[in-house]
Amino acid sequence: MGSFLLAVIYLIFISLGLPDSLLGSGWPRMQLDFGVPSSYAGFVSMTISFMTIISALLSPRLIRAVKTQWIVIVSIGLTILGLLGFSVSGSYWLLFAFAIPYGLGAGAIDSSVNHYVANNYSGAVMNFLHCFYGVGAVISPCIMSLALRLARWNEGYRWTAFLQTGILAVCILSLPLWKRGRSDEEEEEKESAGIGPTIRRPGVIYTLIAFFAYCSGEATCFLWVPSYFAGTKTGLSDEKIASFGALIFGGLMLGRLIAAFISSRLGDRKRIRIGIIVEMLGILLVLLPLKGYLIGAIGFLVVGIGMGPIYPAIQHMAPVNFGRKYSAAVIGLQMASAYVGSTAMPMVFGLLQHGIGIWIMPVYLTFFAVLNVAFLELTYRKLSRENGYRERIENNS
């Protein structure tokens, strides 16, 4: 039964990835239909992310009070509502109403399932889990591209909602598997620490800043990569531009797949450091002043590959770094910090590119990559002073 439950968890993360890349893929066409500036995508993205912050901050309490499987089912239901709402939106301002369930559905499911896997599975499983997130995030730009070719952008959201409904049905049918897979964990989760004591733990603030920086760069790519090609390259069709939304997600999926296979030989720290080096190489490719789009596309794919192992490695380290008692709150805080970055920084970039030009995107990504690695290294130094930390790392890497 354990393997069947793990398969369902992988499917859940496909569902988590499905909504994330639709706005970026469809926005070059959506903004024309709504008659708004390109930068207005940032406000919609900010609203979705703000609601995700709220649900992520509530997740430690939810995890103590509600079983993981019910958090998953309600959360997927909320994303379906948001997707269907986007599909019927005839005006830009209506998107904000449906951004509320769209965002609320993501935060709680992300925190609860990451907490469950970090405490019960290996680093390889965590990377495979986030690899399946990439599967979902790659599928949806393809759905949007097909919708733009055959119908309108609205159908891209509607078809994705139908796919989410199928995943929700599987999750409901899997409820007996969760009951058998829970064992003695419910009592342990009831005794887990809250946000107040957790945020005072050594190194927590640094890791939150690092997570903020990582997700600021990641979310900027999610939203603006298609617009980057629309603004810097000529002669590209709407369908081709929309398909570029899959580059980062495809890279994330590939990077996490590679990380899963090498996780037994490399600890979480080394995977993060190698990932950031690869990410910087990808940014350099994007910076090359070439007329065609191919090298830039390869560059963003490489950026995604480099980013791939960073997110799951940071989350997988939470129980080792801070202890199981604090891991639920740490992961909830990490998710909230991540979505603060996802909320504000794509919007900031939207305003920046509106005033300077979208060509500034690689420079923007470089800033957050440097910030990410700097605060992760500060986290390691802070934790290295804690008694027994080195021994725990050696036993769990």
Protein backbone atom coordinates (compact mmCIF):
# COMPACT_ATOMS: atom_id res chain seq x y z
CA MET A 1 0.00 0.00 0.00
CA GLY A 2 2.93 2.33 0.67
CA SER A 3 3.94 2.37 -2.99
CA PHE A 4 0.36 3.15 -4.08
CA LEU A 5 0.21 6.03 -1.59
CA LEU A 6 3.51 7.38 -2.93
CA ALA A 7 2.10 7.24 -6.47
CA VAL A 8 -0.90 9.29 -5.33
CA ILE A 9 1.43 11.83 -3.68
CA TYR A 10 3.32 12.17 -6.97
CA LEU A 11 -0.01 12.75 -8.74
CA ILE A 12 -0.90 15.42 -6.18
CA PHE A 13 2.28 17.30 -7.08
CA ILE A 14 1.41 17.09 -10.77
CA SER A 15 -1.85 18.82 -9.83
CA LEU A 16 0.09 21.43 -7.83
CA GLY A 17 2.21 22.28 -10.88
CA LEU A 18 -0.64 22.49 -13.38
CA PRO A 19 -2.00 25.97 -12.47
CA ASP A 20 1.38 27.65 -11.90
CA SER A 21 2.49 28.20 -15.50
CA LEU A 22 -0.84 29.08 -17.12
CA LEU A 23 -0.78 32.81 -16.41
CA GLY A 24 2.71 33.29 -17.81
CA SER A 25 1.94 31.22 -20.92
CA GLY A 26 -1.38 32.87 -21.68
CA TRP A 27 -0.61 36.44 -20.63
CA PRO A 28 0.84 37.78 -23.93
CA ARG A 29 -2.56 37.00 -25.50
CA MET A 30 -4.67 37.76 -22.41
CA GLN A 31 -3.28 41.29 -22.03
CA LEU A 32 -4.35 42.11 -25.60
CA ASP A 33 -7.86 40.83 -24.98
CA PHE A 34 -8.16 42.76 -21.71
CA GLY A 35 -6.46 45.87 -23.13
CA VAL A 36 -4.02 46.29 -20.22
CA PRO A 37 -0.22 46.79 -20.07
CA SER A 38 2.08 43.77 -19.92
CA SER A 39 3.11 44.67 -16.36
CA TYR A 40 -0.44 44.04 -15.08
CA ALA A 41 0.27 40.31 -14.98
CA GLY A 42 2.28 41.02 -11.85
CA PHE A 43 -0.79 42.24 -9.93
CA VAL A 44 -2.74 39.06 -10.68
CA SER A 45 0.26 36.93 -9.78
CA MET A 46 0.69 38.96 -6.57
CA THR A 47 -2.91 38.27 -5.53
CA ILE A 48 -2.56 34.54 -6.13
CA SER A 49 0.67 34.45 -4.16
CA PHE A 50 -0.73 36.57 -1.30
CA MET A 51 -3.53 34.07 -0.78
CA THR A 52 -0.97 31.28 -0.87
CA ILE A 53 1.01 33.04 1.88
CA ILE A 54 -2.08 33.08 4.08
CA SER A 55 -2.74 29.36 3.61
CA ALA A 56 0.95 28.53 4.13
CA LEU A 57 1.03 30.43 7.43
CA LEU A 58 -2.08 28.59 8.55
CA SER A 59 -0.64 25.23 7.52
CA PRO A 60 1.11 24.31 10.83
CA ARG A 61 -2.23 24.68 12.63
CA LEU A 62 -4.05 22.83 9.85
CA ILE A 63 -1.53 19.98 9.96
CA ARG A 64 -2.14 19.60 13.70
CA ALA A 65 -5.94 19.71 13.34
CA VAL A 66 -6.73 18.11 9.96
CA LYS A 67 -5.41 15.00 8.27
CA THR A 68 -3.15 15.58 5.28
CA GLN A 69 -5.47 13.82 2.82
CA TRP A 70 -8.35 16.20 3.59
CA ILE A 71 -6.12 19.25 3.23
CA VAL A 72 -5.17 17.89 -0.20
CA ILE A 73 -8.75 17.27 -1.33
CA VAL A 74 -10.07 20.68 -0.26
CA SER A 75 -7.03 22.44 -1.75
CA ILE A 76 -7.38 20.80 -5.16
CA GLY A 77 -11.08 21.69 -5.10
CA LEU A 78 -10.17 25.34 -4.53
CA THR A 79 -7.73 25.38 -7.46
CA ILE A 80 -10.41 23.89 -9.72
CA LEU A 81 -12.75 26.72 -8.71
CA GLY A 82 -10.05 29.29 -9.47
CA LEU A 83 -9.22 27.77 -12.86
CA LEU A 84 -12.86 27.65 -13.93
CA GLY A 85 -13.27 31.24 -12.75
CA PHE A 86 -10.34 32.40 -14.89
CA SER A 87 -11.85 30.56 -17.87
CA VAL A 88 -15.08 32.60 -17.70
CA SER A 89 -13.47 35.95 -16.85
CA GLY A 90 -14.43 38.55 -19.42
CA SER A 91 -12.55 41.42 -17.80
CA TYR A 92 -9.16 41.90 -16.19
CA TRP A 93 -10.60 42.88 -12.82
CA LEU A 94 -12.66 39.70 -12.54
CA LEU A 95 -9.42 37.70 -12.41
CA PHE A 96 -8.76 39.04 -8.92
CA ALA A 97 -11.91 37.44 -7.47
CA PHE A 98 -10.93 34.01 -8.74
CA ALA A 99 -7.29 34.50 -7.77
CA ILE A 100 -8.43 34.01 -4.15
CA PRO A 101 -9.33 30.28 -4.35
CA TYR A 102 -6.59 29.84 -6.97
CA GLY A 103 -3.95 30.89 -4.40
CA LEU A 104 -5.52 29.45 -1.25
CA GLY A 105 -5.47 25.99 -2.82
CA ALA A 106 -1.71 26.00 -3.32
CA GLY A 107 -0.23 27.00 0.04
CA ALA A 108 -1.78 24.43 2.38
CA ILE A 109 -1.28 21.47 0.04
CA ASP A 110 2.33 22.47 -0.65
CA SER A 111 3.22 22.81 3.03
CA SER A 112 1.36 19.73 4.26
CA VAL A 113 2.62 17.31 1.61
CA ASN A 114 6.20 18.63 1.80
CA HIS A 115 6.09 18.18 5.59
CA TYR A 116 4.74 14.66 5.19
CA VAL A 117 7.43 13.65 2.69
CA ALA A 118 10.33 15.41 4.48
CA ASN A 119 9.55 13.46 7.65
CA ASN A 120 8.82 10.10 6.04
CA TYR A 121 10.88 9.72 2.87
CA SER A 122 14.42 10.15 1.57
CA GLY A 123 15.93 13.07 -0.32
CA ALA A 124 15.56 11.08 -3.55
CA VAL A 125 11.80 10.81 -3.01
CA MET A 126 11.61 14.56 -2.27
CA ASN A 127 13.37 15.34 -5.55
CA PHE A 128 11.14 12.93 -7.47
CA LEU A 129 8.15 14.60 -5.81
CA HIS A 130 9.17 18.05 -7.05
CA CYS A 131 10.06 16.54 -10.40
CA PHE A 132 6.40 15.59 -10.74
CA TYR A 133 5.51 19.17 -9.89
CA GLY A 134 7.56 20.02 -12.98
CA VAL A 135 5.55 17.50 -15.02
CA GLY A 136 2.36 19.37 -14.18
CA ALA A 137 3.97 22.73 -14.83
CA VAL A 138 5.22 21.56 -18.26
CA ILE A 139 1.84 20.13 -19.26
CA SER A 140 -0.12 23.34 -18.71
CA PRO A 141 1.86 25.60 -21.13
CA CYS A 142 1.32 22.89 -23.73
CA ILE A 143 -2.41 22.96 -22.95
CA MET A 144 -2.41 26.76 -23.25
CA SER A 145 -0.47 26.64 -26.51
CA LEU A 146 -2.99 24.15 -27.93
CA ALA A 147 -5.89 26.29 -26.73
CA LEU A 148 -4.42 29.39 -28.41
CA ARG A 149 -4.07 27.44 -31.65
CA LEU A 150 -7.51 25.79 -31.63
CA ALA A 151 -9.69 28.13 -29.55
CA ARG A 152 -8.89 30.92 -27.05
CA TRP A 153 -6.85 31.29 -23.87
CA ASN A 154 -10.01 30.71 -21.81
CA GLU A 155 -10.08 27.09 -22.95
CA GLY A 156 -6.55 26.59 -21.64
CA TYR A 157 -7.80 27.28 -18.11
CA ARG A 158 -10.97 25.21 -18.64
CA TRP A 159 -9.15 22.15 -19.97
CA THR A 160 -6.68 22.33 -17.08
CA ALA A 161 -9.59 22.47 -14.63
CA PHE A 162 -10.99 19.28 -16.17
CA LEU A 163 -7.63 17.57 -15.72
CA GLN A 164 -7.50 18.72 -12.09
CA THR A 165 -10.97 17.28 -11.55
CA GLY A 166 -9.73 13.86 -12.65
CA ILE A 167 -6.82 14.09 -10.18
CA LEU A 168 -9.24 15.10 -7.42
CA ALA A 169 -11.31 11.97 -8.12
CA VAL A 170 -8.20 9.80 -7.75
CA CYS A 171 -7.37 11.50 -4.42
CA ILE A 172 -10.87 10.82 -3.10
CA LEU A 173 -10.63 7.16 -4.11
CA SER A 174 -7.22 6.93 -2.37
CA LEU A 175 -8.52 7.88 1.10
CA PRO A 176 -8.15 4.33 2.51
CA LEU A 177 -4.44 4.35 1.55
CA TRP A 178 -3.82 7.43 3.68
CA LYS A 179 -5.44 5.81 6.69
CA ARG A 180 -3.08 2.87 6.45
CA GLY A 181 -0.04 5.04 5.81
CA ARG A 182 -0.47 7.36 8.82
CA SER A 183 0.83 5.00 11.57
CA ASP A 184 1.67 6.93 14.77
CA GLU A 185 2.30 10.34 13.23
CA GLU A 186 -0.90 12.12 14.26
CA GLU A 187 0.16 12.22 17.92
CA GLU A 188 3.58 13.52 16.92
CA GLU A 189 2.06 16.28 14.79
CA LYS A 190 -0.18 17.42 17.68
CA GLU A 191 2.97 18.08 19.74
CA SER A 192 4.76 20.02 16.99
CA ALA A 193 5.86 23.60 17.68
CA GLY A 194 4.02 26.69 16.51
CA ILE A 195 5.34 29.56 14.42
CA GLY A 196 6.38 31.78 17.36
CA PRO A 197 8.92 29.42 18.98
CA THR A 198 10.08 28.17 15.58
CA ILE A 199 11.02 31.54 14.12
CA ARG A 200 13.35 32.11 17.09
CA ARG A 201 15.35 28.96 16.32
CA PRO A 202 18.96 29.63 15.16
CA GLY A 203 19.23 29.79 11.38
CA VAL A 204 15.50 29.92 10.62
CA ILE A 205 15.50 33.60 9.58
CA TYR A 206 18.46 33.06 7.24
CA THR A 207 16.85 30.08 5.54
CA LEU A 208 13.64 32.09 5.08
CA ILE A 209 15.56 34.86 3.32
CA ALA A 210 17.30 32.27 1.12
CA PHE A 211 13.97 30.69 0.24
CA PHE A 212 12.53 34.13 -0.52
CA ALA A 213 15.42 34.81 -2.91
CA TYR A 214 15.14 31.46 -4.66
CA CYS A 215 11.39 31.72 -5.22
CA SER A 216 11.67 35.36 -6.32
CA GLY A 217 13.83 34.24 -9.24
CA GLU A 218 11.78 31.13 -9.92
CA ALA A 219 8.43 32.95 -9.94
CA THR A 220 9.82 35.72 -12.15
CA CYS A 221 10.77 33.04 -14.67
CA PHE A 222 7.36 31.37 -14.36
CA LEU A 223 5.56 34.57 -15.24
CA TRP A 224 7.87 36.46 -17.58
CA VAL A 225 9.83 33.99 -19.75
CA PRO A 226 7.23 34.00 -22.59
CA SER A 227 7.03 37.80 -22.40
CA TYR A 228 10.85 37.98 -22.47
CA PHE A 229 10.87 36.26 -25.87
CA ALA A 230 7.92 38.35 -27.07
CA GLY A 231 9.82 41.52 -26.13
CA THR A 232 13.33 40.62 -27.31
CA LYS A 233 12.75 38.43 -30.39
CA THR A 234 10.78 39.14 -33.54
CA GLY A 235 8.60 37.03 -35.83
CA LEU A 236 7.33 34.61 -33.17
CA SER A 237 3.70 33.42 -33.17
CA ASP A 238 1.44 33.51 -30.09
CA GLU A 239 1.59 29.70 -29.86
CA LYS A 240 5.39 29.67 -30.02
CA ILE A 241 5.65 32.38 -27.36
CA ALA A 242 3.24 30.49 -25.06
CA SER A 243 5.25 27.28 -25.47
CA PHE A 244 8.35 29.00 -23.99
CA GLY A 245 6.54 28.88 -20.66
CA ALA A 246 7.51 25.20 -20.51
CA LEU A 247 11.27 25.91 -20.62
CA ILE A 248 11.80 26.65 -16.92
CA PHE A 249 9.37 23.94 -15.86
CA GLY A 250 11.00 21.38 -18.14
CA GLY A 251 14.38 22.36 -16.73
CA LEU A 252 13.09 22.07 -13.16
CA MET A 253 11.73 18.61 -13.90
CA LEU A 254 15.02 17.47 -15.47
CA GLY A 255 17.13 19.00 -12.69
CA ARG A 256 15.09 17.26 -10.00
CA LEU A 257 15.19 13.98 -11.86
CA ILE A 258 18.99 14.13 -12.03
CA ALA A 259 19.17 15.18 -8.36
CA ALA A 260 17.00 12.21 -7.33
CA PHE A 261 19.42 9.75 -8.92
CA ILE A 262 22.52 11.32 -7.38
CA SER A 263 21.04 12.13 -3.95
CA SER A 264 22.65 9.08 -2.33
CA ARG A 265 26.11 10.33 -3.36
CA LEU A 266 25.61 14.04 -2.69
CA GLY A 267 24.09 15.68 0.38
CA ASP A 268 21.50 18.44 0.20
CA ARG A 269 24.14 21.16 0.54
CA LYS A 270 26.24 19.99 -2.41
CA ARG A 271 23.17 19.61 -4.62
CA ILE A 272 22.18 23.20 -3.85
CA ARG A 273 25.66 24.58 -4.58
CA ILE A 274 25.96 22.70 -7.87
CA GLY A 275 22.44 23.81 -8.80
CA ILE A 276 23.25 27.49 -8.30
CA ILE A 277 26.40 27.17 -10.44
CA VAL A 278 24.36 25.59 -13.26
CA GLU A 279 21.69 28.30 -12.89
CA MET A 280 24.34 31.01 -13.35
CA LEU A 281 25.64 29.29 -16.49
CA GLY A 282 22.12 29.34 -17.90
CA ILE A 283 21.77 33.05 -17.16
CA LEU A 284 25.04 33.68 -19.04
CA LEU A 285 23.59 31.90 -22.10
CA VAL A 286 20.48 34.10 -21.97
CA LEU A 287 22.71 37.19 -21.77
CA LEU A 288 24.47 36.40 -25.07
CA PRO A 289 23.47 39.12 -27.59
CA LEU A 290 22.18 36.81 -30.35
CA LYS A 291 19.27 37.53 -32.70
CA GLY A 292 17.75 34.04 -32.77
CA TYR A 293 15.78 32.55 -29.91
CA LEU A 294 17.43 29.10 -29.72
CA ILE A 295 20.40 29.91 -27.43
CA GLY A 296 18.14 31.97 -25.16
CA ALA A 297 15.70 29.06 -24.97
CA ILE A 298 18.53 26.66 -24.09
CA GLY A 299 19.70 29.19 -21.49
CA PHE A 300 16.34 29.27 -19.71
CA LEU A 301 16.19 25.46 -19.84
CA VAL A 302 19.62 25.35 -18.14
CA VAL A 303 18.44 27.92 -15.58
CA GLY A 304 15.55 25.58 -14.76
CA ILE A 305 17.90 22.58 -14.48
CA GLY A 306 20.06 24.51 -12.02
CA MET A 307 17.07 25.65 -9.98
CA GLY A 308 15.68 22.12 -9.92
CA PRO A 309 17.35 20.62 -6.81
CA ILE A 310 17.33 23.80 -4.69
CA TYR A 311 13.70 23.94 -3.55
CA PRO A 312 13.33 20.26 -2.53
CA ALA A 313 16.77 20.18 -0.88
CA ILE A 314 16.01 23.18 1.34
CA GLN A 315 12.71 21.63 2.41
CA HIS A 316 14.16 18.14 2.90
CA MET A 317 16.79 19.59 5.26
CA ALA A 318 14.16 21.10 7.58
CA PRO A 319 13.73 18.11 9.97
CA VAL A 320 17.51 17.55 10.07
CA ASN A 321 18.38 21.21 10.51
CA PHE A 322 15.72 22.15 13.04
CA GLY A 323 14.28 18.87 14.39
CA ARG A 324 11.00 17.07 13.69
CA LYS A 325 9.23 19.06 16.40
CA TYR A 326 9.81 22.28 14.44
CA SER A 327 9.73 20.93 10.89
CA ALA A 328 6.03 21.56 10.18
CA ALA A 329 6.29 25.21 11.25
CA VAL A 330 9.64 25.67 9.48
CA ILE A 331 8.20 24.34 6.21
CA GLY A 332 5.09 26.48 6.64
CA LEU A 333 7.27 29.55 7.22
CA GLN A 334 9.45 28.62 4.25
CA MET A 335 6.36 28.39 2.06
CA ALA A 336 5.12 31.76 3.30
CA SER A 337 8.55 33.31 2.69
CA ALA A 338 8.65 31.70 -0.73
CA TYR A 339 5.32 33.15 -1.67
CA VAL A 340 6.25 36.60 -0.39
CA GLY A 341 8.99 36.43 -3.04
CA SER A 342 6.55 34.97 -5.56
CA THR A 343 4.04 37.71 -4.75
CA ALA A 344 6.18 40.82 -4.79
CA MET A 345 9.16 40.17 -7.03
CA PRO A 346 7.43 39.27 -10.32
CA MET A 347 5.34 42.42 -9.84
CA VAL A 348 8.47 44.47 -9.11
CA PHE A 349 10.05 43.04 -12.25
CA GLY A 350 6.92 43.92 -14.21
CA LEU A 351 7.26 47.55 -13.15
CA LEU A 352 11.02 47.47 -13.76
CA GLN A 353 10.75 46.07 -17.27
CA HIS A 354 7.96 48.53 -18.05
CA GLY A 355 10.36 51.40 -17.30
CA ILE A 356 13.70 49.94 -18.47
CA GLY A 357 12.90 47.07 -20.81
CA ILE A 358 12.40 43.35 -20.44
CA TRP A 359 16.01 42.73 -21.51
CA ILE A 360 16.92 43.39 -17.83
CA MET A 361 15.53 40.00 -16.80
CA PRO A 362 18.87 38.04 -16.70
CA VAL A 363 20.40 40.72 -14.46
CA TYR A 364 17.40 40.51 -12.16
CA LEU A 365 17.74 36.73 -11.92
CA THR A 366 21.46 37.01 -11.14
CA PHE A 367 20.76 39.23 -8.14
CA PHE A 368 18.44 36.67 -6.56
CA ALA A 369 20.73 33.73 -7.29
CA VAL A 370 23.56 35.48 -5.42
CA LEU A 371 21.23 36.41 -2.53
CA ASN A 372 20.03 32.81 -2.31
CA VAL A 373 23.48 31.23 -2.03
CA ALA A 374 24.75 33.92 0.36
CA PHE A 375 22.01 33.36 2.94
CA LEU A 376 22.14 29.58 2.62
CA GLU A 377 25.83 29.70 3.49
CA LEU A 378 25.01 31.95 6.45
CA THR A 379 22.42 29.38 7.54
CA TYR A 380 24.98 26.58 7.45
CA ARG A 381 27.44 28.62 9.52
CA LYS A 382 24.79 29.45 12.10
CA LEU A 383 23.66 25.84 12.40
CA SER A 384 27.22 24.51 12.56
CA ARG A 385 27.51 26.14 15.98
CA GLU A 386 24.60 24.07 17.29
CA ASN A 387 25.54 20.97 19.28
CA GLY A 388 25.25 17.80 17.27
CA TYR A 389 24.45 19.52 13.98
CA ARG A 390 27.46 18.13 12.12
CA GLU A 391 26.66 14.62 13.31
CA ARG A 392 23.05 14.91 12.15
CA ILE A 393 24.15 16.14 8.73
CA GLU A 394 26.58 13.26 8.31
CA ASN A 395 23.90 10.74 9.26
CA ASN A 396 21.23 12.20 6.97
CA SER A 397 23.14 13.40 3.87
